[in-house]
Every structure is written in C-alpha cells, then in structure tokens.
Amino acid sequence: MDDVLLATNDIGIFNETEIFLSKDFEMKDLGEAPFVFGIQIHRDRTLGILGLSHRNYIEKVLKRFGMQD
C-alpha cells in the first residue's frame, strides 16, 4: 500500500488530479490528514490558514536528552 497526500487551494485541480489518479490506481479517501511525516497539520479554513507543527518531535528529542524542562 502507498499513501498520497494531495494539497491545493484550488478544488478544481484537486478534483482533476483525483480523477486522473483513480484511472490507474485504486483509491480510498481517508479525509483530512492530521499528521504527515510526524508533522502536525493545523487548519483554519475561515481565516485561510494552514500551519505545520513539529512540536511532538521536538518534545521527544528534548526528553531523550533530559532537557524537557
């Protein structure tokens, strides 16, 4: 199994890409991704904001080296 994350601010391009890929690949829409490669994704559609956070990784590294405080 391979995963693909599609991201765009143009719904038309998104739909075209999804149709194009589904011609050659079996696809299942898993909805919005809360994380990708361990990076948390924050969205505020009303404000048009997309943010990325690496907080979990940073906290894990700090804890490993005894620097969490």
PDB file of N, CA and C in Angstrom:
ATOM      1  N   MET A   1       0.831  -1.165   0.000  1.00  0.00           N
ATOM      2  CA  MET A   1       0.000   0.000   0.000  1.00  0.00           C
ATOM      3  C   MET A   1       0.884   1.240   0.000  1.00  0.00           C
ATOM      4  N   ASP A   2       0.508   2.214  -0.809  1.00  0.00           N
ATOM      5  CA  ASP A   2       1.191   3.503  -0.847  1.00  0.00           C
ATOM      6  C   ASP A   2       0.182   4.584  -0.510  1.00  0.00           C
ATOM      7  N   ASP A   3       0.635   5.591   0.184  1.00  0.00           N
ATOM      8  CA  ASP A   3      -0.236   6.708   0.545  1.00  0.00           C
ATOM      9  C   ASP A   3       0.188   7.943  -0.231  1.00  0.00           C
ATOM     10  N   VAL A   4      -0.795   8.762  -0.581  1.00  0.00           N
ATOM     11  CA  VAL A   4      -0.552  10.015  -1.273  1.00  0.00           C
ATOM     12  C   VAL A   4      -1.326  11.097  -0.538  1.00  0.00           C
ATOM     13  N   LEU A   5      -0.694  12.234  -0.350  1.00  0.00           N
ATOM     14  CA  LEU A   5      -1.356  13.376   0.257  1.00  0.00           C
ATOM     15  C   LEU A   5      -1.464  14.456  -0.803  1.00  0.00           C
ATOM     16  N   LEU A   6      -2.697  14.822  -1.147  1.00  0.00           N
ATOM     17  CA  LEU A   6      -2.927  15.886  -2.116  1.00  0.00           C
ATOM     18  C   LEU A   6      -3.237  17.167  -1.370  1.00  0.00           C
ATOM     19  N   ALA A   7      -2.606  18.264  -1.768  1.00  0.00           N
ATOM     20  CA  ALA A   7      -2.861  19.551  -1.124  1.00  0.00           C
ATOM     21  C   ALA A   7      -2.848  20.652  -2.173  1.00  0.00           C
ATOM     22  N   THR A   8      -3.902  21.450  -2.164  1.00  0.00           N
ATOM     23  CA  THR A   8      -4.001  22.588  -3.073  1.00  0.00           C
ATOM     24  C   THR A   8      -5.063  23.538  -2.561  1.00  0.00           C
ATOM     25  N   ASN A   9      -5.000  24.777  -3.002  1.00  0.00           N
ATOM     26  CA  ASN A   9      -6.055  25.723  -2.659  1.00  0.00           C
ATOM     27  C   ASN A   9      -7.067  25.853  -3.794  1.00  0.00           C
ATOM     28  N   ASP A  10      -6.920  25.015  -4.819  1.00  0.00           N
ATOM     29  CA  ASP A  10      -7.820  25.038  -5.980  1.00  0.00           C
ATOM     30  C   ASP A  10      -8.577  23.709  -6.041  1.00  0.00           C
ATOM     31  N   ILE A  11      -9.864  23.728  -5.675  1.00  0.00           N
ATOM     32  CA  ILE A  11     -10.657  22.497  -5.619  1.00  0.00           C
ATOM     33  C   ILE A  11     -10.781  21.847  -6.990  1.00  0.00           C
ATOM     34  N   GLY A  12     -10.774  22.646  -8.053  1.00  0.00           N
ATOM     35  CA  GLY A  12     -10.844  22.100  -9.410  1.00  0.00           C
ATOM     36  C   GLY A  12      -9.631  21.248  -9.734  1.00  0.00           C
ATOM     37  N   ILE A  13      -8.458  21.755  -9.422  1.00  0.00           N
ATOM     38  CA  ILE A  13      -7.219  20.995  -9.656  1.00  0.00           C
ATOM     39  C   ILE A  13      -7.211  19.745  -8.792  1.00  0.00           C
ATOM     40  N   PHE A  14      -7.671  19.875  -7.560  1.00  0.00           N
ATOM     41  CA  PHE A  14      -7.740  18.714  -6.669  1.00  0.00           C
ATOM     42  C   PHE A  14      -8.611  17.623  -7.294  1.00  0.00           C
ATOM     43  N   ASN A  15      -9.813  17.997  -7.731  1.00  0.00           N
ATOM     44  CA  ASN A  15     -10.733  17.013  -8.319  1.00  0.00           C
ATOM     45  C   ASN A  15     -10.169  16.403  -9.597  1.00  0.00           C
ATOM     46  N   GLU A  16      -9.563  17.204 -10.455  1.00  0.00           N
ATOM     47  CA  GLU A  16      -8.949  16.696 -11.693  1.00  0.00           C
ATOM     48  C   GLU A  16      -7.848  15.688 -11.377  1.00  0.00           C
ATOM     49  N   THR A  17      -7.013  16.022 -10.398  1.00  0.00           N
ATOM     50  CA  THR A  17      -5.913  15.133 -10.020  1.00  0.00           C
ATOM     51  C   THR A  17      -6.440  13.829  -9.453  1.00  0.00           C
ATOM     52  N   GLU A  18      -7.454  13.919  -8.624  1.00  0.00           N
ATOM     53  CA  GLU A  18      -8.056  12.726  -8.032  1.00  0.00           C
ATOM     54  C   GLU A  18      -8.651  11.824  -9.120  1.00  0.00           C
ATOM     55  N   ILE A  19      -9.338  12.399 -10.090  1.00  0.00           N
ATOM     56  CA  ILE A  19      -9.916  11.631 -11.196  1.00  0.00           C
ATOM     57  C   ILE A  19      -8.812  11.000 -12.030  1.00  0.00           C
ATOM     58  N   PHE A  20      -7.775  11.780 -12.344  1.00  0.00           N
ATOM     59  CA  PHE A  20      -6.651  11.280 -13.138  1.00  0.00           C
ATOM     60  C   PHE A  20      -5.986  10.082 -12.457  1.00  0.00           C
ATOM     61  N   LEU A  21      -5.701  10.196 -11.164  1.00  0.00           N
ATOM     62  CA  LEU A  21      -5.027   9.115 -10.441  1.00  0.00           C
ATOM     63  C   LEU A  21      -5.920   7.882 -10.292  1.00  0.00           C
ATOM     64  N   SER A  22      -7.212   8.098 -10.118  1.00  0.00           N
ATOM     65  CA  SER A  22      -8.118   6.968  -9.898  1.00  0.00           C
ATOM     66  C   SER A  22      -8.313   6.126 -11.159  1.00  0.00           C
ATOM     67  N   LYS A  23      -7.918   6.632 -12.318  1.00  0.00           N
ATOM     68  CA  LYS A  23      -7.994   5.846 -13.555  1.00  0.00           C
ATOM     69  C   LYS A  23      -6.997   4.697 -13.545  1.00  0.00           C
ATOM     70  N   ASP A  24      -5.855   4.889 -12.888  1.00  0.00           N
ATOM     71  CA  ASP A  24      -4.804   3.868 -12.874  1.00  0.00           C
ATOM     72  C   ASP A  24      -4.572   3.229 -11.511  1.00  0.00           C
ATOM     73  N   PHE A  25      -5.135   3.828 -10.464  1.00  0.00           N
ATOM     74  CA  PHE A  25      -4.878   3.324  -9.122  1.00  0.00           C
ATOM     75  C   PHE A  25      -6.182   3.200  -8.346  1.00  0.00           C
ATOM     76  N   GLU A  26      -6.251   2.156  -7.521  1.00  0.00           N
ATOM     77  CA  GLU A  26      -7.384   2.021  -6.609  1.00  0.00           C
ATOM     78  C   GLU A  26      -7.175   3.033  -5.488  1.00  0.00           C
ATOM     79  N   MET A  27      -8.194   3.842  -5.236  1.00  0.00           N
ATOM     80  CA  MET A  27      -8.034   4.911  -4.252  1.00  0.00           C
ATOM     81  C   MET A  27      -9.150   4.892  -3.218  1.00  0.00           C
ATOM     82  N   LYS A  28      -8.805   5.336  -2.020  1.00  0.00           N
ATOM     83  CA  LYS A  28      -9.773   5.496  -0.948  1.00  0.00           C
ATOM     84  C   LYS A  28      -9.476   6.829  -0.275  1.00  0.00           C
ATOM     85  N   ASP A  29     -10.487   7.676  -0.143  1.00  0.00           N
ATOM     86  CA  ASP A  29     -10.325   8.967   0.511  1.00  0.00           C
ATOM     87  C   ASP A  29     -10.373   8.763   2.022  1.00  0.00           C
ATOM     88  N   LEU A  30      -9.297   9.084   2.696  1.00  0.00           N
ATOM     89  CA  LEU A  30      -9.209   8.919   4.143  1.00  0.00           C
ATOM     90  C   LEU A  30      -9.511  10.220   4.882  1.00  0.00           C
ATOM     91  N   GLY A  31      -9.942  11.248   4.152  1.00  0.00           N
ATOM     92  CA  GLY A  31     -10.260  12.526   4.775  1.00  0.00           C
ATOM     93  C   GLY A  31      -9.030  13.367   5.007  1.00  0.00           C
ATOM     94  N   GLU A  32      -9.204  14.384   5.821  1.00  0.00           N
ATOM     95  CA  GLU A  32      -8.102  15.295   6.098  1.00  0.00           C
ATOM     96  C   GLU A  32      -7.052  14.621   6.974  1.00  0.00           C
ATOM     97  N   ALA A  33      -5.794  14.854   6.638  1.00  0.00           N
ATOM     98  CA  ALA A  33      -4.682  14.269   7.394  1.00  0.00           C
ATOM     99  C   ALA A  33      -4.340  15.164   8.580  1.00  0.00           C
ATOM    100  N   PRO A  34      -4.378  14.617   9.807  1.00  0.00           N
ATOM    101  CA  PRO A  34      -3.975  15.423  10.960  1.00  0.00           C
ATOM    102  C   PRO A  34      -2.449  15.505  11.096  1.00  0.00           C
ATOM    103  N   PHE A  35      -1.744  14.503  10.548  1.00  0.00           N
ATOM    104  CA  PHE A  35      -0.281  14.445  10.589  1.00  0.00           C
ATOM    105  C   PHE A  35       0.237  13.947   9.247  1.00  0.00           C
ATOM    106  N   VAL A  36       1.430  14.377   8.869  1.00  0.00           N
ATOM    107  CA  VAL A  36       2.139  13.825   7.719  1.00  0.00           C
ATOM    108  C   VAL A  36       3.630  13.824   8.078  1.00  0.00           C
ATOM    109  N   PHE A  37       4.262  12.692   7.960  1.00  0.00           N
ATOM    110  CA  PHE A  37       5.674  12.518   8.325  1.00  0.00           C
ATOM    111  C   PHE A  37       5.967  13.014   9.741  1.00  0.00           C
ATOM    112  N   GLY A  38       5.015  12.816  10.646  1.00  0.00           N
ATOM    113  CA  GLY A  38       5.197  13.229  12.032  1.00  0.00           C
ATOM    114  C   GLY A  38       4.982  14.716  12.280  1.00  0.00           C
ATOM    115  N   ILE A  39       4.602  15.440  11.270  1.00  0.00           N
ATOM    116  CA  ILE A  39       4.354  16.872  11.402  1.00  0.00           C
ATOM    117  C   ILE A  39       2.850  17.095  11.518  1.00  0.00           C
ATOM    118  N   GLN A  40       2.438  17.796  12.575  1.00  0.00           N
ATOM    119  CA  GLN A  40       1.018  18.049  12.788  1.00  0.00           C
ATOM    120  C   GLN A  40       0.553  19.176  11.863  1.00  0.00           C
ATOM    121  N   ILE A  41      -0.640  18.993  11.289  1.00  0.00           N
ATOM    122  CA  ILE A  41      -1.215  19.974  10.376  1.00  0.00           C
ATOM    123  C   ILE A  41      -2.363  20.684  11.080  1.00  0.00           C
ATOM    124  N   HIS A  42      -2.297  22.015  11.110  1.00  0.00           N
ATOM    125  CA  HIS A  42      -3.352  22.845  11.701  1.00  0.00           C
ATOM    126  C   HIS A  42      -4.035  23.617  10.579  1.00  0.00           C
ATOM    127  N   ARG A  43      -5.372  23.616  10.576  1.00  0.00           N
ATOM    128  CA  ARG A  43      -6.123  24.337   9.553  1.00  0.00           C
ATOM    129  C   ARG A  43      -7.144  25.263  10.204  1.00  0.00           C
ATOM    130  N   ASP A  44      -7.299  26.432   9.611  1.00  0.00           N
ATOM    131  CA  ASP A  44      -8.417  27.319   9.945  1.00  0.00           C
ATOM    132  C   ASP A  44      -8.949  27.831   8.617  1.00  0.00           C
ATOM    133  N   ARG A  45      -9.945  27.130   8.107  1.00  0.00           N
ATOM    134  CA  ARG A  45     -10.479  27.464   6.784  1.00  0.00           C
ATOM    135  C   ARG A  45     -11.121  28.844   6.751  1.00  0.00           C
ATOM    136  N   THR A  46     -11.720  29.267   7.873  1.00  0.00           N
ATOM    137  CA  THR A  46     -12.373  30.576   7.872  1.00  0.00           C
ATOM    138  C   THR A  46     -11.362  31.703   7.697  1.00  0.00           C
ATOM    139  N   LEU A  47     -10.158  31.522   8.236  1.00  0.00           N
ATOM    140  CA  LEU A  47      -9.105  32.525   8.099  1.00  0.00           C
ATOM    141  C   LEU A  47      -8.152  32.216   6.951  1.00  0.00           C
ATOM    142  N   GLY A  48      -8.315  31.043   6.322  1.00  0.00           N
ATOM    143  CA  GLY A  48      -7.427  30.658   5.228  1.00  0.00           C
ATOM    144  C   GLY A  48      -6.016  30.357   5.689  1.00  0.00           C
ATOM    145  N   ILE A  49      -5.914  29.746   6.865  1.00  0.00           N
ATOM    146  CA  ILE A  49      -4.595  29.475   7.456  1.00  0.00           C
ATOM    147  C   ILE A  49      -4.303  27.977   7.458  1.00  0.00           C
ATOM    148  N   LEU A  50      -3.105  27.636   7.055  1.00  0.00           N
ATOM    149  CA  LEU A  50      -2.591  26.269   7.137  1.00  0.00           C
ATOM    150  C   LEU A  50      -1.255  26.351   7.860  1.00  0.00           C
ATOM    151  N   GLY A  51      -1.141  25.638   8.971  1.00  0.00           N
ATOM    152  CA  GLY A  51       0.094  25.669   9.742  1.00  0.00           C
ATOM    153  C   GLY A  51       0.642  24.278   9.974  1.00  0.00           C
ATOM    154  N   LEU A  52       1.937  24.202  10.167  1.00  0.00           N
ATOM    155  CA  LEU A  52       2.614  22.938  10.427  1.00  0.00           C
ATOM    156  C   LEU A  52       3.355  23.039  11.747  1.00  0.00           C
ATOM    157  N   SER A  53       3.316  21.961  12.540  1.00  0.00           N
ATOM    158  CA  SER A  53       3.978  21.960  13.842  1.00  0.00           C
ATOM    159  C   SER A  53       4.808  20.695  14.003  1.00  0.00           C
ATOM    160  N   HIS A  54       6.035  20.883  14.427  1.00  0.00           N
ATOM    161  CA  HIS A  54       6.942  19.766  14.695  1.00  0.00           C
ATOM    162  C   HIS A  54       7.116  19.573  16.205  1.00  0.00           C
ATOM    163  N   ARG A  55       6.159  20.082  16.972  1.00  0.00           N
ATOM    164  CA  ARG A  55       6.238  20.086  18.428  1.00  0.00           C
ATOM    165  C   ARG A  55       6.474  18.691  19.015  1.00  0.00           C
ATOM    166  N   ASN A  56       5.734  17.683  18.555  1.00  0.00           N
ATOM    167  CA  ASN A  56       5.876  16.330  19.109  1.00  0.00           C
ATOM    168  C   ASN A  56       7.293  15.805  18.946  1.00  0.00           C
ATOM    169  N   TYR A  57       7.900  16.035  17.781  1.00  0.00           N
ATOM    170  CA  TYR A  57       9.261  15.579  17.531  1.00  0.00           C
ATOM    171  C   TYR A  57      10.242  16.315  18.445  1.00  0.00           C
ATOM    172  N   ILE A  58      10.064  17.626  18.558  1.00  0.00           N
ATOM    173  CA  ILE A  58      10.963  18.423  19.403  1.00  0.00           C
ATOM    174  C   ILE A  58      10.880  17.960  20.858  1.00  0.00           C
ATOM    175  N   GLU A  59       9.664  17.730  21.353  1.00  0.00           N
ATOM    176  CA  GLU A  59       9.498  17.267  22.743  1.00  0.00           C
ATOM    177  C   GLU A  59      10.139  15.895  22.941  1.00  0.00           C
ATOM    178  N   LYS A  60      10.041  15.021  21.934  1.00  0.00           N
ATOM    179  CA  LYS A  60      10.641  13.685  22.022  1.00  0.00           C
ATOM    180  C   LYS A  60      12.167  13.788  22.107  1.00  0.00           C
ATOM    181  N   VAL A  61      12.767  14.640  21.309  1.00  0.00           N
ATOM    182  CA  VAL A  61      14.226  14.820  21.321  1.00  0.00           C
ATOM    183  C   VAL A  61      14.671  15.428  22.653  1.00  0.00           C
ATOM    184  N   LEU A  62      13.948  16.447  23.126  1.00  0.00           N
ATOM    185  CA  LEU A  62      14.308  17.057  24.409  1.00  0.00           C
ATOM    186  C   LEU A  62      14.227  16.052  25.547  1.00  0.00           C
ATOM    187  N   LYS A  63      13.189  15.217  25.540  1.00  0.00           N
ATOM    188  CA  LYS A  63      13.032  14.208  26.586  1.00  0.00           C
ATOM    189  C   LYS A  63      14.178  13.192  26.529  1.00  0.00           C
ATOM    190  N   ARG A  64      14.557  12.782  25.308  1.00  0.00           N
ATOM    191  CA  ARG A  64      15.625  11.795  25.167  1.00  0.00           C
ATOM    192  C   ARG A  64      16.933  12.295  25.774  1.00  0.00           C
ATOM    193  N   PHE A  65      17.185  13.585  25.680  1.00  0.00           N
ATOM    194  CA  PHE A  65      18.433  14.147  26.206  1.00  0.00           C
ATOM    195  C   PHE A  65      18.255  14.817  27.567  1.00  0.00           C
ATOM    196  N   GLY A  66      17.102  14.536  28.215  1.00  0.00           N
ATOM    197  CA  GLY A  66      16.873  15.050  29.551  1.00  0.00           C
ATOM    198  C   GLY A  66      16.751  16.568  29.620  1.00  0.00           C
ATOM    199  N   MET A  67      16.236  17.162  28.575  1.00  0.00           N
ATOM    200  CA  MET A  67      16.146  18.626  28.508  1.00  0.00           C
ATOM    201  C   MET A  67      14.696  19.117  28.401  1.00  0.00           C
ATOM    202  N   GLN A  68      13.736  18.274  28.775  1.00  0.00           N
ATOM    203  CA  GLN A  68      12.327  18.638  28.585  1.00  0.00           C
ATOM    204  C   GLN A  68      11.889  19.810  29.462  1.00  0.00           C
ATOM    205  N   ASP A  69      12.614  20.093  30.533  1.00  0.00           N
ATOM    206  CA  ASP A  69      12.251  21.212  31.417  1.00  0.00           C
ATOM    207  C   ASP A  69      13.098  22.419  31.086  1.00  0.00           C
TER     208      ASP A  69
END
